[in-house]
Full PDB file with SEQRES, HELIX, SHEET, SSBOND, CRYST1, ORIGX, SCALE, CONECT and MASTER records, all heavy atoms in Angstrom:
SEQRES   1 A   40  ALA ASN ILE VAL PRO TRP GLN MET VAL ALA GLU LYS THR          
SEQRES   2 A   40  LYS ALA GLN VAL LYS ALA ILE ARG VAL LEU ASP SER GLY          
SEQRES   3 A   40  GLU LEU ASP TYR HIS ASP PHE GLU ASN LYS LEU GLY PRO          
SEQRES   4 A   40  GLN                                                          
HELIX    1 AA1 VAL A    4  THR A   13  1                                  10    
HELIX    2 AA2 TYR A   30  LYS A   36  1                                   7    
CRYST1    1.000    1.000    1.000  90.00  90.00  90.00 P 1           1          
ORIGX1      1.000000  0.000000  0.000000        0.00000                         
ORIGX2      0.000000  1.000000  0.000000        0.00000                         
ORIGX3      0.000000  0.000000  1.000000        0.00000                         
SCALE1      1.000000  0.000000  0.000000        0.00000                         
SCALE2      0.000000  1.000000  0.000000        0.00000                         
SCALE3      0.000000  0.000000  1.000000        0.00000                         
ATOM      1  N   ALA A   1      32.576  54.907 -26.837  1.00  0.00           N  
ATOM      2  CA  ALA A   1      33.240  54.502 -25.589  1.00  0.00           C  
ATOM      3  C   ALA A   1      33.259  52.992 -25.417  1.00  0.00           C  
ATOM      4  O   ALA A   1      34.079  52.465 -24.658  1.00  0.00           O  
ATOM      5  CB  ALA A   1      32.548  55.148 -24.386  1.00  0.00           C  
ATOM      6  N   ASN A   2      32.352  52.293 -26.107  1.00  0.00           N  
ATOM      7  CA  ASN A   2      32.335  50.828 -26.035  1.00  0.00           C  
ATOM      8  C   ASN A   2      32.886  50.211 -27.321  1.00  0.00           C  
ATOM      9  O   ASN A   2      32.601  49.054 -27.624  1.00  0.00           O  
ATOM     10  CB  ASN A   2      30.913  50.318 -25.765  1.00  0.00           C  
ATOM     11  CG  ASN A   2      30.895  48.935 -25.134  1.00  0.00           C  
ATOM     12  OD1 ASN A   2      31.849  48.539 -24.459  1.00  0.00           O  
ATOM     13  ND2 ASN A   2      29.824  48.192 -25.344  1.00  0.00           N  
ATOM     14  N   ILE A   3      33.663  51.001 -28.038  1.00  0.00           N  
ATOM     15  CA  ILE A   3      34.364  50.511 -29.235  1.00  0.00           C  
ATOM     16  C   ILE A   3      35.867  50.741 -29.100  1.00  0.00           C  
ATOM     17  O   ILE A   3      36.663  49.809 -29.188  1.00  0.00           O  
ATOM     18  CB  ILE A   3      33.852  51.232 -30.517  1.00  0.00           C  
ATOM     19  CG1 ILE A   3      32.350  50.982 -30.727  1.00  0.00           C  
ATOM     20  CG2 ILE A   3      34.651  50.760 -31.735  1.00  0.00           C  
ATOM     21  CD1 ILE A   3      31.759  51.739 -31.910  1.00  0.00           C  
ATOM     22  N   VAL A   4      36.240  51.993 -28.883  1.00  0.00           N  
ATOM     23  CA  VAL A   4      37.656  52.386 -28.927  1.00  0.00           C  
ATOM     24  C   VAL A   4      38.527  51.646 -27.906  1.00  0.00           C  
ATOM     25  O   VAL A   4      39.616  51.169 -28.261  1.00  0.00           O  
ATOM     26  CB  VAL A   4      37.792  53.922 -28.763  1.00  0.00           C  
ATOM     27  CG1 VAL A   4      39.267  54.326 -28.778  1.00  0.00           C  
ATOM     28  CG2 VAL A   4      37.034  54.640 -29.874  1.00  0.00           C  
ATOM     29  N   PRO A   5      38.122  51.505 -26.629  1.00  0.00           N  
ATOM     30  CA  PRO A   5      38.992  50.793 -25.682  1.00  0.00           C  
ATOM     31  C   PRO A   5      39.274  49.349 -26.083  1.00  0.00           C  
ATOM     32  O   PRO A   5      40.378  48.840 -25.861  1.00  0.00           O  
ATOM     33  CB  PRO A   5      38.199  50.855 -24.369  1.00  0.00           C  
ATOM     34  CG  PRO A   5      37.343  52.075 -24.495  1.00  0.00           C  
ATOM     35  CD  PRO A   5      36.945  52.092 -25.941  1.00  0.00           C  
ATOM     36  N   TRP A   6      38.292  48.695 -26.710  1.00  0.00           N  
ATOM     37  CA  TRP A   6      38.490  47.315 -27.170  1.00  0.00           C  
ATOM     38  C   TRP A   6      39.423  47.286 -28.377  1.00  0.00           C  
ATOM     39  O   TRP A   6      40.246  46.364 -28.517  1.00  0.00           O  
ATOM     40  CB  TRP A   6      37.152  46.674 -27.505  1.00  0.00           C  
ATOM     41  CG  TRP A   6      36.155  46.782 -26.389  1.00  0.00           C  
ATOM     42  CD1 TRP A   6      34.990  47.510 -26.383  1.00  0.00           C  
ATOM     43  CD2 TRP A   6      36.224  46.152 -25.101  1.00  0.00           C  
ATOM     44  NE1 TRP A   6      34.336  47.381 -25.181  1.00  0.00           N  
ATOM     45  CE2 TRP A   6      35.069  46.551 -24.369  1.00  0.00           C  
ATOM     46  CE3 TRP A   6      37.139  45.294 -24.491  1.00  0.00           C  
ATOM     47  CZ2 TRP A   6      34.821  46.118 -23.076  1.00  0.00           C  
ATOM     48  CZ3 TRP A   6      36.895  44.864 -23.194  1.00  0.00           C  
ATOM     49  CH2 TRP A   6      35.750  45.276 -22.496  1.00  0.00           C  
ATOM     50  N   GLN A   7      39.318  48.293 -29.238  1.00  0.00           N  
ATOM     51  CA  GLN A   7      40.239  48.387 -30.373  1.00  0.00           C  
ATOM     52  C   GLN A   7      41.678  48.575 -29.891  1.00  0.00           C  
ATOM     53  O   GLN A   7      42.616  48.014 -30.468  1.00  0.00           O  
ATOM     54  CB  GLN A   7      39.838  49.547 -31.280  1.00  0.00           C  
ATOM     55  CG  GLN A   7      38.549  49.330 -32.057  1.00  0.00           C  
ATOM     56  CD  GLN A   7      38.146  50.559 -32.863  1.00  0.00           C  
ATOM     57  OE1 GLN A   7      38.512  51.679 -32.523  1.00  0.00           O  
ATOM     58  NE2 GLN A   7      37.397  50.340 -33.940  1.00  0.00           N  
ATOM     59  N   MET A   8      41.833  49.351 -28.839  1.00  0.00           N  
ATOM     60  CA  MET A   8      43.175  49.641 -28.324  1.00  0.00           C  
ATOM     61  C   MET A   8      43.874  48.373 -27.835  1.00  0.00           C  
ATOM     62  O   MET A   8      45.057  48.145 -28.134  1.00  0.00           O  
ATOM     63  CB  MET A   8      43.092  50.677 -27.206  1.00  0.00           C  
ATOM     64  CG  MET A   8      42.666  52.068 -27.689  1.00  0.00           C  
ATOM     65  SD  MET A   8      42.284  53.216 -26.344  1.00  0.00           S  
ATOM     66  CE  MET A   8      43.914  53.503 -25.681  1.00  0.00           C  
ATOM     67  N   VAL A   9      43.145  47.522 -27.094  1.00  0.00           N  
ATOM     68  CA  VAL A   9      43.782  46.289 -26.608  1.00  0.00           C  
ATOM     69  C   VAL A   9      43.946  45.276 -27.740  1.00  0.00           C  
ATOM     70  O   VAL A   9      44.890  44.478 -27.740  1.00  0.00           O  
ATOM     71  CB  VAL A   9      43.008  45.673 -25.422  1.00  0.00           C  
ATOM     72  CG1 VAL A   9      43.046  46.612 -24.222  1.00  0.00           C  
ATOM     73  CG2 VAL A   9      41.573  45.306 -25.794  1.00  0.00           C  
ATOM     74  N   ALA A  10      43.035  45.324 -28.714  1.00  0.00           N  
ATOM     75  CA  ALA A  10      43.156  44.420 -29.857  1.00  0.00           C  
ATOM     76  C   ALA A  10      44.401  44.744 -30.682  1.00  0.00           C  
ATOM     77  O   ALA A  10      45.120  43.843 -31.141  1.00  0.00           O  
ATOM     78  CB  ALA A  10      41.906  44.503 -30.731  1.00  0.00           C  
ATOM     79  N   GLU A  11      44.682  46.029 -30.859  1.00  0.00           N  
ATOM     80  CA  GLU A  11      45.852  46.447 -31.635  1.00  0.00           C  
ATOM     81  C   GLU A  11      47.149  45.995 -30.961  1.00  0.00           C  
ATOM     82  O   GLU A  11      48.124  45.650 -31.632  1.00  0.00           O  
ATOM     83  CB  GLU A  11      45.847  47.964 -31.800  1.00  0.00           C  
ATOM     84  CG  GLU A  11      44.796  48.467 -32.797  1.00  0.00           C  
ATOM     85  CD  GLU A  11      44.667  49.978 -32.795  1.00  0.00           C  
ATOM     86  OE1 GLU A  11      45.459  50.641 -32.081  1.00  0.00           O  
ATOM     87  OE2 GLU A  11      43.778  50.497 -33.497  1.00  0.00           O  
ATOM     88  N   LYS A  12      47.164  45.983 -29.640  1.00  0.00           N  
ATOM     89  CA  LYS A  12      48.371  45.582 -28.910  1.00  0.00           C  
ATOM     90  C   LYS A  12      48.632  44.086 -29.011  1.00  0.00           C  
ATOM     91  O   LYS A  12      49.771  43.634 -28.826  1.00  0.00           O  
ATOM     92  CB  LYS A  12      48.240  45.975 -27.435  1.00  0.00           C  
ATOM     93  CG  LYS A  12      48.292  47.471 -27.168  1.00  0.00           C  
ATOM     94  CD  LYS A  12      48.143  47.749 -25.678  1.00  0.00           C  
ATOM     95  CE  LYS A  12      48.178  49.248 -25.384  1.00  0.00           C  
ATOM     96  NZ  LYS A  12      48.002  49.536 -23.935  1.00  0.00           N  
ATOM     97  N   THR A  13      47.600  43.304 -29.253  1.00  0.00           N  
ATOM     98  CA  THR A  13      47.722  41.844 -29.184  1.00  0.00           C  
ATOM     99  C   THR A  13      47.465  41.134 -30.509  1.00  0.00           C  
ATOM    100  O   THR A  13      47.503  39.910 -30.570  1.00  0.00           O  
ATOM    101  CB  THR A  13      46.727  41.297 -28.140  1.00  0.00           C  
ATOM    102  OG1 THR A  13      45.404  41.708 -28.514  1.00  0.00           O  
ATOM    103  CG2 THR A  13      47.043  41.823 -26.750  1.00  0.00           C  
ATOM    104  N   LYS A  14      47.145  41.918 -31.548  1.00  0.00           N  
ATOM    105  CA  LYS A  14      46.787  41.374 -32.854  1.00  0.00           C  
ATOM    106  C   LYS A  14      45.497  40.549 -32.800  1.00  0.00           C  
ATOM    107  O   LYS A  14      45.302  39.614 -33.572  1.00  0.00           O  
ATOM    108  CB  LYS A  14      47.936  40.543 -33.444  1.00  0.00           C  
ATOM    109  CG  LYS A  14      49.184  41.361 -33.734  1.00  0.00           C  
ATOM    110  CD  LYS A  14      50.250  40.517 -34.403  1.00  0.00           C  
ATOM    111  CE  LYS A  14      51.497  41.358 -34.704  1.00  0.00           C  
ATOM    112  NZ  LYS A  14      52.566  40.547 -35.345  1.00  0.00           N  
ATOM    113  N   ALA A  15      44.656  40.899 -31.847  1.00  0.00           N  
ATOM    114  CA  ALA A  15      43.303  40.335 -31.800  1.00  0.00           C  
ATOM    115  C   ALA A  15      42.433  41.142 -32.753  1.00  0.00           C  
ATOM    116  O   ALA A  15      42.869  42.143 -33.327  1.00  0.00           O  
ATOM    117  CB  ALA A  15      42.751  40.374 -30.380  1.00  0.00           C  
ATOM    118  N   GLN A  16      41.187  40.744 -32.915  1.00  0.00           N  
ATOM    119  CA  GLN A  16      40.281  41.423 -33.829  1.00  0.00           C  
ATOM    120  C   GLN A  16      39.000  41.860 -33.119  1.00  0.00           C  
ATOM    121  O   GLN A  16      38.504  41.155 -32.235  1.00  0.00           O  
ATOM    122  CB  GLN A  16      39.900  40.511 -34.999  1.00  0.00           C  
ATOM    123  CG  GLN A  16      40.989  40.300 -36.020  1.00  0.00           C  
ATOM    124  CD  GLN A  16      40.469  39.508 -37.208  1.00  0.00           C  
ATOM    125  OE1 GLN A  16      40.049  38.365 -37.074  1.00  0.00           O  
ATOM    126  NE2 GLN A  16      40.472  40.126 -38.379  1.00  0.00           N  
ATOM    127  N   VAL A  17      38.493  43.018 -33.519  1.00  0.00           N  
ATOM    128  CA  VAL A  17      37.187  43.489 -33.062  1.00  0.00           C  
ATOM    129  C   VAL A  17      36.206  43.295 -34.212  1.00  0.00           C  
ATOM    130  O   VAL A  17      36.434  43.791 -35.320  1.00  0.00           O  
ATOM    131  CB  VAL A  17      37.226  44.980 -32.653  1.00  0.00           C  
ATOM    132  CG1 VAL A  17      35.830  45.466 -32.280  1.00  0.00           C  
ATOM    133  CG2 VAL A  17      38.196  45.184 -31.492  1.00  0.00           C  
ATOM    134  N   LYS A  18      35.130  42.581 -33.958  1.00  0.00           N  
ATOM    135  CA  LYS A  18      34.111  42.346 -34.974  1.00  0.00           C  
ATOM    136  C   LYS A  18      32.761  42.826 -34.463  1.00  0.00           C  
ATOM    137  O   LYS A  18      32.512  42.819 -33.254  1.00  0.00           O  
ATOM    138  CB  LYS A  18      34.042  40.864 -35.344  1.00  0.00           C  
ATOM    139  CG  LYS A  18      35.302  40.366 -36.042  1.00  0.00           C  
ATOM    140  CD  LYS A  18      35.138  38.939 -36.548  1.00  0.00           C  
ATOM    141  CE  LYS A  18      36.366  38.501 -37.347  1.00  0.00           C  
ATOM    142  NZ  LYS A  18      36.225  37.108 -37.854  1.00  0.00           N  
ATOM    143  N   ALA A  19      31.911  43.227 -35.400  1.00  0.00           N  
ATOM    144  CA  ALA A  19      30.624  43.820 -35.017  1.00  0.00           C  
ATOM    145  C   ALA A  19      29.451  42.938 -35.407  1.00  0.00           C  
ATOM    146  O   ALA A  19      29.405  42.396 -36.518  1.00  0.00           O  
ATOM    147  CB  ALA A  19      30.470  45.196 -35.660  1.00  0.00           C  
ATOM    148  N   ILE A  20      28.499  42.826 -34.494  1.00  0.00           N  
ATOM    149  CA  ILE A  20      27.237  42.143 -34.760  1.00  0.00           C  
ATOM    150  C   ILE A  20      26.340  43.108 -35.525  1.00  0.00           C  
ATOM    151  O   ILE A  20      26.237  44.286 -35.183  1.00  0.00           O  
ATOM    152  CB  ILE A  20      26.562  41.732 -33.440  1.00  0.00           C  
ATOM    153  CG1 ILE A  20      27.518  40.912 -32.578  1.00  0.00           C  
ATOM    154  CG2 ILE A  20      25.269  40.967 -33.714  1.00  0.00           C  
ATOM    155  CD1 ILE A  20      27.131  40.872 -31.111  1.00  0.00           C  
ATOM    156  N   ARG A  21      25.682  42.608 -36.552  1.00  0.00           N  
ATOM    157  CA  ARG A  21      24.851  43.437 -37.417  1.00  0.00           C  
ATOM    158  C   ARG A  21      23.641  44.001 -36.679  1.00  0.00           C  
ATOM    159  O   ARG A  21      23.092  43.385 -35.770  1.00  0.00           O  
ATOM    160  CB  ARG A  21      24.349  42.639 -38.625  1.00  0.00           C  
ATOM    161  CG  ARG A  21      25.397  42.330 -39.667  1.00  0.00           C  
ATOM    162  CD  ARG A  21      24.812  41.592 -40.857  1.00  0.00           C  
ATOM    163  NE  ARG A  21      23.835  42.429 -41.573  1.00  0.00           N  
ATOM    164  CZ  ARG A  21      22.539  42.177 -41.621  1.00  0.00           C  
ATOM    165  NH1 ARG A  21      22.028  41.153 -40.988  1.00  0.00           N  
ATOM    166  NH2 ARG A  21      21.744  42.970 -42.307  1.00  0.00           N  
ATOM    167  N   VAL A  22      23.219  45.166 -37.140  1.00  0.00           N  
ATOM    168  CA  VAL A  22      21.964  45.778 -36.720  1.00  0.00           C  
ATOM    169  C   VAL A  22      21.025  45.744 -37.926  1.00  0.00           C  
ATOM    170  O   VAL A  22      21.420  46.103 -39.043  1.00  0.00           O  
ATOM    171  CB  VAL A  22      22.173  47.228 -36.236  1.00  0.00           C  
ATOM    172  CG1 VAL A  22      20.844  47.932 -36.016  1.00  0.00           C  
ATOM    173  CG2 VAL A  22      23.006  47.238 -34.955  1.00  0.00           C  
ATOM    174  N   LEU A  23      19.797  45.312 -37.715  1.00  0.00           N  
ATOM    175  CA  LEU A  23      18.816  45.232 -38.800  1.00  0.00           C  
ATOM    176  C   LEU A  23      18.312  46.622 -39.168  1.00  0.00           C  
ATOM    177  O   LEU A  23      18.492  47.585 -38.403  1.00  0.00           O  
ATOM    178  CB  LEU A  23      17.646  44.331 -38.380  1.00  0.00           C  
ATOM    179  CG  LEU A  23      18.019  42.890 -38.010  1.00  0.00           C  
ATOM    180  CD1 LEU A  23      16.788  42.155 -37.483  1.00  0.00           C  
ATOM    181  CD2 LEU A  23      18.612  42.159 -39.204  1.00  0.00           C  
ATOM    182  N   ASP A  24      17.675  46.737 -40.307  1.00  0.00           N  
ATOM    183  CA  ASP A  24      17.138  48.028 -40.750  1.00  0.00           C  
ATOM    184  C   ASP A  24      16.170  48.621 -39.732  1.00  0.00           C  
ATOM    185  O   ASP A  24      16.055  49.840 -39.608  1.00  0.00           O  
ATOM    186  CB  ASP A  24      16.423  47.873 -42.098  1.00  0.00           C  
ATOM    187  CG  ASP A  24      17.391  47.566 -43.243  1.00  0.00           C  
ATOM    188  OD1 ASP A  24      18.604  47.787 -43.060  1.00  0.00           O  
ATOM    189  OD2 ASP A  24      16.924  47.110 -44.299  1.00  0.00           O  
ATOM    190  N   SER A  25      15.487  47.764 -38.991  1.00  0.00           N  
ATOM    191  CA  SER A  25      14.521  48.216 -37.982  1.00  0.00           C  
ATOM    192  C   SER A  25      15.203  48.814 -36.755  1.00  0.00           C  
ATOM    193  O   SER A  25      14.557  49.473 -35.935  1.00  0.00           O  
ATOM    194  CB  SER A  25      13.648  47.042 -37.535  1.00  0.00           C  
ATOM    195  OG  SER A  25      14.452  46.054 -36.891  1.00  0.00           O  
ATOM    196  N   GLY A  26      16.509  48.568 -36.627  1.00  0.00           N  
ATOM    197  CA  GLY A  26      17.233  48.999 -35.439  1.00  0.00           C  
ATOM    198  C   GLY A  26      17.396  47.891 -34.423  1.00  0.00           C  
ATOM    199  O   GLY A  26      18.059  48.074 -33.397  1.00  0.00           O  
ATOM    200  N   GLU A  27      16.814  46.719 -34.694  1.00  0.00           N  
ATOM    201  CA  GLU A  27      16.975  45.578 -33.800  1.00  0.00           C  
ATOM    202  C   GLU A  27      18.337  44.927 -34.007  1.00  0.00           C  
ATOM    203  O   GLU A  27      18.914  44.989 -35.093  1.00  0.00           O  
ATOM    204  CB  GLU A  27      15.896  44.530 -34.063  1.00  0.00           C  
ATOM    205  CG  GLU A  27      14.483  44.994 -33.803  1.00  0.00           C  
ATOM    206  CD  GLU A  27      13.467  43.978 -34.272  1.00  0.00           C  
ATOM    207  OE1 GLU A  27      13.201  43.014 -33.521  1.00  0.00           O  
ATOM    208  OE2 GLU A  27      12.945  44.134 -35.396  1.00  0.00           O  
ATOM    209  N   LEU A  28      18.823  44.280 -32.967  1.00  0.00           N  
ATOM    210  CA  LEU A  28      20.062  43.527 -33.090  1.00  0.00           C  
ATOM    211  C   LEU A  28      19.782  42.225 -33.840  1.00  0.00           C  
ATOM    212  O   LEU A  28      18.752  41.582 -33.631  1.00  0.00           O  
ATOM    213  CB  LEU A  28      20.627  43.212 -31.701  1.00  0.00           C  
ATOM    214  CG  LEU A  28      22.025  42.592 -31.674  1.00  0.00           C  
ATOM    215  CD1 LEU A  28      23.068  43.586 -32.148  1.00  0.00           C  
ATOM    216  CD2 LEU A  28      22.366  42.096 -30.273  1.00  0.00           C  
ATOM    217  N   ASP A  29      20.702  41.846 -34.719  1.00  0.00           N  
ATOM    218  CA  ASP A  29      20.573  40.600 -35.468  1.00  0.00           C  
ATOM    219  C   ASP A  29      21.156  39.465 -34.607  1.00  0.00           C  
ATOM    220  O   ASP A  29      22.353  39.195 -34.630  1.00  0.00           O  
ATOM    221  CB  ASP A  29      21.320  40.713 -36.802  1.00  0.00           C  
ATOM    222  CG  ASP A  29      21.089  39.513 -37.716  1.00  0.00           C  
ATOM    223  OD1 ASP A  29      20.699  38.440 -37.210  1.00  0.00           O  
ATOM    224  OD2 ASP A  29      21.305  39.644 -38.933  1.00  0.00           O  
ATOM    225  N   TYR A  30      20.287  38.805 -33.854  1.00  0.00           N  
ATOM    226  CA  TYR A  30      20.743  37.757 -32.940  1.00  0.00           C  
ATOM    227  C   TYR A  30      21.296  36.546 -33.691  1.00  0.00           C  
ATOM    228  O   TYR A  30      22.177  35.850 -33.167  1.00  0.00           O  
ATOM    229  CB  TYR A  30      19.597  37.334 -32.007  1.00  0.00           C  
ATOM    230  CG  TYR A  30      19.203  38.426 -31.037  1.00  0.00           C  
ATOM    231  CD1 TYR A  30      18.134  39.266 -31.300  1.00  0.00           C  
ATOM    232  CD2 TYR A  30      19.924  38.622 -29.854  1.00  0.00           C  
ATOM    233  CE1 TYR A  30      17.779  40.274 -30.416  1.00  0.00           C  
ATOM    234  CE2 TYR A  30      19.581  39.624 -28.961  1.00  0.00           C  
ATOM    235  CZ  TYR A  30      18.509  40.456 -29.253  1.00  0.00           C  
ATOM    236  OH  TYR A  30      18.166  41.449 -28.378  1.00  0.00           O  
ATOM    237  N   HIS A  31      20.801  36.292 -34.877  1.00  0.00           N  
ATOM    238  CA  HIS A  31      21.333  35.181 -35.671  1.00  0.00           C  
ATOM    239  C   HIS A  31      22.771  35.466 -36.085  1.00  0.00           C  
ATOM    240  O   HIS A  31      23.629  34.571 -36.059  1.00  0.00           O  
ATOM    241  CB  HIS A  31      20.450  34.944 -36.905  1.00  0.00           C  
ATOM    242  CG  HIS A  31      19.068  34.480 -36.570  1.00  0.00           C  
ATOM    243  ND1 HIS A  31      18.827  33.289 -35.929  1.00  0.00           N  
ATOM    244  CD2 HIS A  31      17.849  35.050 -36.778  1.00  0.00           C  
ATOM    245  CE1 HIS A  31      17.527  33.129 -35.753  1.00  0.00           C  
ATOM    246  NE2 HIS A  31      16.911  34.195 -36.256  1.00  0.00           N  
ATOM    247  N   ASP A  32      23.044  36.705 -36.443  1.00  0.00           N  
ATOM    248  CA  ASP A  32      24.416  37.089 -36.790  1.00  0.00           C  
ATOM    249  C   ASP A  32      25.316  36.961 -35.567  1.00  0.00           C  
ATOM    250  O   ASP A  32      26.470  36.525 -35.681  1.00  0.00           O  
ATOM    251  CB  ASP A  32      24.436  38.529 -37.325  1.00  0.00           C  
ATOM    252  CG  ASP A  32      25.807  38.928 -37.852  1.00  0.00           C  
ATOM    253  OD1 ASP A  32      26.334  38.213 -38.724  1.00  0.00           O  
ATOM    254  OD2 ASP A  32      26.351  39.939 -37.369  1.00  0.00           O  
ATOM    255  N   PHE A  33      24.803  37.321 -34.412  1.00  0.00           N  
ATOM    256  CA  PHE A  33      25.547  37.182 -33.157  1.00  0.00           C  
ATOM    257  C   PHE A  33      25.930  35.722 -32.929  1.00  0.00           C  
ATOM    258  O   PHE A  33      27.096  35.393 -32.662  1.00  0.00           O  
ATOM    259  CB  PHE A  33      24.694  37.704 -32.001  1.00  0.00           C  
ATOM    260  CG  PHE A  33      25.176  37.295 -30.632  1.00  0.00           C  
ATOM    261  CD1 PHE A  33      26.443  37.631 -30.183  1.00  0.00           C  
ATOM    262  CD2 PHE A  33      24.338  36.571 -29.779  1.00  0.00           C  
ATOM    263  CE1 PHE A  33      26.886  37.246 -28.917  1.00  0.00           C  
ATOM    264  CE2 PHE A  33      24.761  36.196 -28.519  1.00  0.00           C  
ATOM    265  CZ  PHE A  33      26.044  36.521 -28.090  1.00  0.00           C  
ATOM    266  N   GLU A  34      24.959  34.836 -33.066  1.00  0.00           N  
ATOM    267  CA  GLU A  34      25.213  33.417 -32.841  1.00  0.00           C  
ATOM    268  C   GLU A  34      26.199  32.858 -33.870  1.00  0.00           C  
ATOM    269  O   GLU A  34      27.048  32.020 -33.533  1.00  0.00           O  
ATOM    270  CB  GLU A  34      23.891  32.655 -32.862  1.00  0.00           C  
ATOM    271  CG  GLU A  34      23.014  32.983 -31.653  1.00  0.00           C  
ATOM    272  CD  GLU A  34      21.567  32.563 -31.811  1.00  0.00           C  
ATOM    273  OE1 GLU A  34      21.234  31.952 -32.859  1.00  0.00           O  
ATOM    274  OE2 GLU A  34      20.764  32.845 -30.908  1.00  0.00           O  
ATOM    275  N   ASN A  35      26.093  33.340 -35.095  1.00  0.00           N  
ATOM    276  CA  ASN A  35      27.006  32.863 -36.144  1.00  0.00           C  
ATOM    277  C   ASN A  35      28.441  33.318 -35.916  1.00  0.00           C  
ATOM    278  O   ASN A  35      29.393  32.653 -36.339  1.00  0.00           O  
ATOM    279  CB  ASN A  35      26.532  33.347 -37.519  1.00  0.00           C  
ATOM    280  CG  ASN A  35      25.268  32.636 -37.982  1.00  0.00           C  
ATOM    281  OD1 ASN A  35      24.980  31.525 -37.544  1.00  0.00           O  
ATOM    282  ND2 ASN A  35      24.512  33.288 -38.859  1.00  0.00           N  
ATOM    283  N   LYS A  36      28.607  34.456 -35.264  1.00  0.00           N  
ATOM    284  CA  LYS A  36      29.954  35.001 -35.050  1.00  0.00           C  
ATOM    285  C   LYS A  36      30.617  34.439 -33.798  1.00  0.00           C  
ATOM    286  O   LYS A  36      31.817  34.647 -33.583  1.00  0.00           O  
ATOM    287  CB  LYS A  36      29.895  36.532 -34.969  1.00  0.00           C  
ATOM    288  CG  LYS A  36      29.726  37.217 -36.325  1.00  0.00           C  
ATOM    289  CD  LYS A  36      29.840  38.728 -36.192  1.00  0.00           C  
ATOM    290  CE  LYS A  36      30.030  39.395 -37.562  1.00  0.00           C  
ATOM    291  NZ  LYS A  36      28.818  39.432 -38.360  1.00  0.00           N  
ATOM    292  N   LEU A  37      29.852  33.758 -32.955  1.00  0.00           N  
ATOM    293  CA  LEU A  37      30.421  33.201 -31.727  1.00  0.00           C  
ATOM    294  C   LEU A  37      31.276  31.982 -32.025  1.00  0.00           C  
ATOM    295  O   LEU A  37      31.082  31.278 -33.013  1.00  0.00           O  
ATOM    296  CB  LEU A  37      29.308  32.816 -30.756  1.00  0.00           C  
ATOM    297  CG  LEU A  37      28.744  33.937 -29.881  1.00  0.00           C  
ATOM    298  CD1 LEU A  37      27.525  33.448 -29.119  1.00  0.00           C  
ATOM    299  CD2 LEU A  37      29.799  34.472 -28.924  1.00  0.00           C  
ATOM    300  N   GLY A  38      32.226  31.748 -31.142  1.00  0.00           N  
ATOM    301  CA  GLY A  38      33.102  30.593 -31.237  1.00  0.00           C  
ATOM    302  C   GLY A  38      34.134  30.682 -30.127  1.00  0.00           C  
ATOM    303  O   GLY A  38      34.182  31.684 -29.385  1.00  0.00           O  
ATOM    304  N   PRO A  39      34.974  29.689 -29.998  1.00  0.00           N  
ATOM    305  CA  PRO A  39      35.978  29.699 -28.917  1.00  0.00           C  
ATOM    306  C   PRO A  39      36.981  30.834 -29.037  1.00  0.00           C  
ATOM    307  O   PRO A  39      37.657  31.172 -28.062  1.00  0.00           O  
ATOM    308  CB  PRO A  39      36.661  28.333 -29.070  1.00  0.00           C  
ATOM    309  CG  PRO A  39      36.378  27.899 -30.471  1.00  0.00           C  
ATOM    310  CD  PRO A  39      35.039  28.468 -30.819  1.00  0.00           C  
ATOM    311  N   GLN A  40      37.064  31.457 -30.206  1.00  0.00           N  
ATOM    312  CA  GLN A  40      37.998  32.567 -30.404  1.00  0.00           C  
ATOM    313  C   GLN A  40      37.484  33.862 -29.781  1.00  0.00           C  
ATOM    314  O   GLN A  40      38.248  34.808 -29.571  1.00  0.00           O  
ATOM    315  CB  GLN A  40      38.269  32.783 -31.906  1.00  0.00           C  
ATOM    316  CG  GLN A  40      37.153  33.474 -32.677  1.00  0.00           C  
ATOM    317  CD  GLN A  40      35.979  32.565 -33.031  1.00  0.00           C  
ATOM    318  OE1 GLN A  40      35.972  31.379 -32.672  1.00  0.00           O  
ATOM    319  NE2 GLN A  40      34.987  33.094 -33.723  1.00  0.00           N  
TER     320      GLN A  40                                                      
MASTER        0    0    0    2    0    0    0    6  319    1    0    4          
END                                                                             
């Protein structure tokens, strides 16, 4: 439910949906999050 609606609007506008990595432990990879951020 927190993936598909964003994909739907991305498809209409040629935007992209990208995913932040999850570590093997199940923790969120905050470094990957920071690396993927930008004005886009």
